[in-house]
Amino acid sequence: MRIVLDRPRCEGHGLCEEAAPDLMHLDDDGELVLDREEISDADSALANAAVRVCPVAALRLV
């Protein structure tokens, strides 16, 4: 499974970072950075939570 970021859609709210801090973070400019695009089975619940909380649907799992 991979997490995909639609960068132009992302508004930097940071809710995904709160849901999955081991997978992503906001940099100093407020841009989302994916620390890992490949998601292990162990991290799938965190990735799903991050996708669900994004208010602009900038994240998706494939």
C-alpha atoms as a PDB file:
ATOM      1  CA  MET A   1       0.000   0.000   0.000  1.00  0.00           C
ATOM      2  CA  ARG A   2       1.164   3.526  -0.769  1.00  0.00           C
ATOM      3  CA  ILE A   3      -0.007   6.908   0.472  1.00  0.00           C
ATOM      4  CA  VAL A   4      -0.279   9.551  -2.240  1.00  0.00           C
ATOM      5  CA  LEU A   5      -0.318  13.303  -1.624  1.00  0.00           C
ATOM      6  CA  ASP A   6      -2.085  15.696  -3.976  1.00  0.00           C
ATOM      7  CA  ARG A   7       0.284  18.549  -3.185  1.00  0.00           C
ATOM      8  CA  PRO A   8      -1.698  21.367  -4.908  1.00  0.00           C
ATOM      9  CA  ARG A   9      -4.786  20.382  -2.913  1.00  0.00           C
ATOM     10  CA  CYS A  10      -3.009  20.266   0.468  1.00  0.00           C
ATOM     11  CA  GLU A  11      -3.632  23.370   2.591  1.00  0.00           C
ATOM     12  CA  GLY A  12      -1.313  22.426   5.466  1.00  0.00           C
ATOM     13  CA  HIS A  13      -3.949  22.013   8.191  1.00  0.00           C
ATOM     14  CA  GLY A  14      -1.791  19.375   9.903  1.00  0.00           C
ATOM     15  CA  LEU A  15      -4.595  17.063  10.974  1.00  0.00           C
ATOM     16  CA  CYS A  16      -2.962  14.204   9.096  1.00  0.00           C
ATOM     17  CA  GLU A  17       0.295  14.837  10.930  1.00  0.00           C
ATOM     18  CA  GLU A  18      -1.553  14.597  14.234  1.00  0.00           C
ATOM     19  CA  ALA A  19      -3.135  11.312  13.140  1.00  0.00           C
ATOM     20  CA  ALA A  20       0.066   9.755  11.762  1.00  0.00           C
ATOM     21  CA  PRO A  21       3.182  11.584  13.015  1.00  0.00           C
ATOM     22  CA  ASP A  22       5.419   8.618  12.144  1.00  0.00           C
ATOM     23  CA  LEU A  23       4.377   8.802   8.496  1.00  0.00           C
ATOM     24  CA  MET A  24       4.311  12.535   7.723  1.00  0.00           C
ATOM     25  CA  HIS A  25       5.079  15.996   9.055  1.00  0.00           C
ATOM     26  CA  LEU A  26       4.689  19.656   8.170  1.00  0.00           C
ATOM     27  CA  ASP A  27       7.980  21.355   7.351  1.00  0.00           C
ATOM     28  CA  ASP A  28       8.957  24.865   8.449  1.00  0.00           C
ATOM     29  CA  ASP A  29       7.019  26.348   5.510  1.00  0.00           C
ATOM     30  CA  GLY A  30       3.821  24.467   6.388  1.00  0.00           C
ATOM     31  CA  GLU A  31       4.245  22.000   3.493  1.00  0.00           C
ATOM     32  CA  LEU A  32       3.359  18.378   4.125  1.00  0.00           C
ATOM     33  CA  VAL A  33       6.256  15.948   3.782  1.00  0.00           C
ATOM     34  CA  LEU A  34       5.639  12.218   3.533  1.00  0.00           C
ATOM     35  CA  ASP A  35       8.310  10.474   5.570  1.00  0.00           C
ATOM     36  CA  ARG A  36       7.297   7.161   4.014  1.00  0.00           C
ATOM     37  CA  GLU A  37       5.175   6.581   0.939  1.00  0.00           C
ATOM     38  CA  GLU A  38       5.175   2.784   1.259  1.00  0.00           C
ATOM     39  CA  ILE A  39       2.900   1.828   4.128  1.00  0.00           C
ATOM     40  CA  SER A  40       3.392  -1.433   6.010  1.00  0.00           C
ATOM     41  CA  ASP A  41       0.500  -3.452   7.355  1.00  0.00           C
ATOM     42  CA  ALA A  42       1.489  -2.303  10.843  1.00  0.00           C
ATOM     43  CA  ASP A  43       1.029   1.360   9.830  1.00  0.00           C
ATOM     44  CA  SER A  44      -2.108   0.928   7.736  1.00  0.00           C
ATOM     45  CA  ALA A  45      -4.434   2.068  10.553  1.00  0.00           C
ATOM     46  CA  LEU A  46      -2.429   5.299  10.967  1.00  0.00           C
ATOM     47  CA  ALA A  47      -2.414   5.905   7.215  1.00  0.00           C
ATOM     48  CA  ASN A  48      -6.170   5.350   7.008  1.00  0.00           C
ATOM     49  CA  ALA A  49      -6.723   7.768   9.882  1.00  0.00           C
ATOM     50  CA  ALA A  50      -4.598  10.430   8.168  1.00  0.00           C
ATOM     51  CA  VAL A  51      -6.559  10.052   4.926  1.00  0.00           C
ATOM     52  CA  ARG A  52      -9.901  10.260   6.767  1.00  0.00           C
ATOM     53  CA  VAL A  53      -9.104  13.435   8.721  1.00  0.00           C
ATOM     54  CA  CYS A  54      -7.827  15.492   5.774  1.00  0.00           C
ATOM     55  CA  PRO A  55     -10.455  18.221   5.280  1.00  0.00           C
ATOM     56  CA  VAL A  56      -9.516  18.759   1.625  1.00  0.00           C
ATOM     57  CA  ALA A  57      -9.008  15.093   0.601  1.00  0.00           C
ATOM     58  CA  ALA A  58      -5.368  15.675  -0.343  1.00  0.00           C
ATOM     59  CA  LEU A  59      -4.317  12.169   0.699  1.00  0.00           C
ATOM     60  CA  ARG A  60      -5.326   8.789  -0.665  1.00  0.00           C
ATOM     61  CA  LEU A  61      -4.196   5.205  -0.335  1.00  0.00           C
ATOM     62  CA  VAL A  62      -3.446   3.083  -3.381  1.00  0.00           C
END
